[in-house]
Amino acid sequence: MELKEFIEKLAEAIEVEDANILNESTNFRELDEWSSLSVMLLIAFYDEEFGKQIGDADIKKCVTVGDLFNLANK
């Protein structure tokens, strides 16, 4: 999956209304939409899109959207 497609799907998964505000260097934790529910949505997103089981510890290691993209491609 390319970064642009990942960003679009990520925005949908964590309920960001405008995916255009996201880029590789965006600190996703600073988004108004980011909450504890977002963590659960992100875990489900990785399971559905990539067949990957990630946990809270994996997400805590990530800071930017690019980090999340790299996690998906490990």
C-alpha atoms as a PDB file:
ATOM      1  CA  MET A   1       0.000   0.000   0.000  1.00  0.00           C
ATOM      2  CA  GLU A   2       1.278   3.450  -0.904  1.00  0.00           C
ATOM      3  CA  LEU A   3       1.542   6.194   1.719  1.00  0.00           C
ATOM      4  CA  LYS A   4      -1.266   8.285   0.159  1.00  0.00           C
ATOM      5  CA  GLU A   5      -3.705   5.358   0.275  1.00  0.00           C
ATOM      6  CA  PHE A   6      -2.604   4.526   3.826  1.00  0.00           C
ATOM      7  CA  ILE A   7      -3.289   8.103   4.941  1.00  0.00           C
ATOM      8  CA  GLU A   8      -6.751   8.076   3.381  1.00  0.00           C
ATOM      9  CA  LYS A   9      -7.659   4.775   5.045  1.00  0.00           C
ATOM     10  CA  LEU A  10      -6.114   5.845   8.352  1.00  0.00           C
ATOM     11  CA  ALA A  11      -8.150   9.053   8.308  1.00  0.00           C
ATOM     12  CA  GLU A  12     -11.301   7.039   7.750  1.00  0.00           C
ATOM     13  CA  ALA A  13     -10.383   4.523  10.458  1.00  0.00           C
ATOM     14  CA  ILE A  14      -9.742   7.092  13.177  1.00  0.00           C
ATOM     15  CA  GLU A  15     -12.527   9.373  11.959  1.00  0.00           C
ATOM     16  CA  VAL A  16     -10.493  12.352  10.732  1.00  0.00           C
ATOM     17  CA  GLU A  17     -12.866  14.367   8.566  1.00  0.00           C
ATOM     18  CA  ASP A  18     -10.230  15.882   6.250  1.00  0.00           C
ATOM     19  CA  ALA A  19      -7.462  13.473   5.243  1.00  0.00           C
ATOM     20  CA  ASN A  20      -5.684  16.400   3.542  1.00  0.00           C
ATOM     21  CA  ILE A  21      -4.482  17.650   6.932  1.00  0.00           C
ATOM     22  CA  LEU A  22      -2.450  14.450   7.325  1.00  0.00           C
ATOM     23  CA  ASN A  23       0.999  13.801   5.941  1.00  0.00           C
ATOM     24  CA  GLU A  24       3.949  11.601   6.796  1.00  0.00           C
ATOM     25  CA  SER A  25       5.240  13.966   9.499  1.00  0.00           C
ATOM     26  CA  THR A  26       1.891  14.673  11.194  1.00  0.00           C
ATOM     27  CA  ASN A  27       1.961  13.916  14.920  1.00  0.00           C
ATOM     28  CA  PHE A  28      -1.265  11.927  15.090  1.00  0.00           C
ATOM     29  CA  ARG A  29      -1.554  12.337  18.860  1.00  0.00           C
ATOM     30  CA  GLU A  30      -2.041  16.089  18.386  1.00  0.00           C
ATOM     31  CA  LEU A  31      -5.126  15.621  16.205  1.00  0.00           C
ATOM     32  CA  ASP A  32      -8.386  16.865  17.710  1.00  0.00           C
ATOM     33  CA  GLU A  33      -9.952  13.515  16.783  1.00  0.00           C
ATOM     34  CA  TRP A  34      -7.328  11.440  18.648  1.00  0.00           C
ATOM     35  CA  SER A  35      -8.671   9.732  21.775  1.00  0.00           C
ATOM     36  CA  SER A  36      -8.536   6.426  23.608  1.00  0.00           C
ATOM     37  CA  LEU A  37     -11.187   5.196  21.181  1.00  0.00           C
ATOM     38  CA  SER A  38      -8.781   5.974  18.334  1.00  0.00           C
ATOM     39  CA  VAL A  39      -6.329   3.418  19.731  1.00  0.00           C
ATOM     40  CA  MET A  40      -8.983   0.711  19.503  1.00  0.00           C
ATOM     41  CA  LEU A  41      -9.968   1.840  16.010  1.00  0.00           C
ATOM     42  CA  LEU A  42      -6.321   1.790  14.951  1.00  0.00           C
ATOM     43  CA  ILE A  43      -5.837  -1.760  16.274  1.00  0.00           C
ATOM     44  CA  ALA A  44      -8.910  -2.879  14.312  1.00  0.00           C
ATOM     45  CA  PHE A  45      -7.630  -1.034  11.208  1.00  0.00           C
ATOM     46  CA  TYR A  46      -4.323  -2.933  11.254  1.00  0.00           C
ATOM     47  CA  ASP A  47      -6.117  -6.229  11.735  1.00  0.00           C
ATOM     48  CA  GLU A  48      -8.571  -5.628   8.885  1.00  0.00           C
ATOM     49  CA  GLU A  49      -6.258  -3.957   6.363  1.00  0.00           C
ATOM     50  CA  PHE A  50      -2.978  -5.759   7.012  1.00  0.00           C
ATOM     51  CA  GLY A  51      -3.855  -8.878   8.993  1.00  0.00           C
ATOM     52  CA  LYS A  52      -1.501  -7.613  11.709  1.00  0.00           C
ATOM     53  CA  GLN A  53      -2.009  -7.892  15.419  1.00  0.00           C
ATOM     54  CA  ILE A  54      -0.695  -4.749  17.077  1.00  0.00           C
ATOM     55  CA  GLY A  55      -1.147  -3.535  20.604  1.00  0.00           C
ATOM     56  CA  ASP A  56      -1.010  -0.389  22.651  1.00  0.00           C
ATOM     57  CA  ALA A  57       2.763  -0.789  23.120  1.00  0.00           C
ATOM     58  CA  ASP A  58       3.286  -0.774  19.332  1.00  0.00           C
ATOM     59  CA  ILE A  59       1.237   2.407  18.988  1.00  0.00           C
ATOM     60  CA  LYS A  60       3.082   4.093  21.869  1.00  0.00           C
ATOM     61  CA  LYS A  61       6.338   3.668  19.925  1.00  0.00           C
ATOM     62  CA  CYS A  62       4.878   5.692  17.049  1.00  0.00           C
ATOM     63  CA  VAL A  63       4.796   9.473  16.921  1.00  0.00           C
ATOM     64  CA  THR A  64       3.997  10.386  13.323  1.00  0.00           C
ATOM     65  CA  VAL A  65       1.719   9.090  10.591  1.00  0.00           C
ATOM     66  CA  GLY A  66       4.926   7.919   8.890  1.00  0.00           C
ATOM     67  CA  ASP A  67       5.726   5.781  11.933  1.00  0.00           C
ATOM     68  CA  LEU A  68       2.279   4.191  11.689  1.00  0.00           C
ATOM     69  CA  PHE A  69       2.857   3.566   7.976  1.00  0.00           C
ATOM     70  CA  ASN A  70       6.200   1.897   8.729  1.00  0.00           C
ATOM     71  CA  LEU A  71       4.539  -0.249  11.400  1.00  0.00           C
ATOM     72  CA  ALA A  72       2.087  -1.467   8.780  1.00  0.00           C
ATOM     73  CA  ASN A  73       4.936  -2.424   6.451  1.00  0.00           C
ATOM     74  CA  LYS A  74       7.095  -4.314   8.958  1.00  0.00           C
END
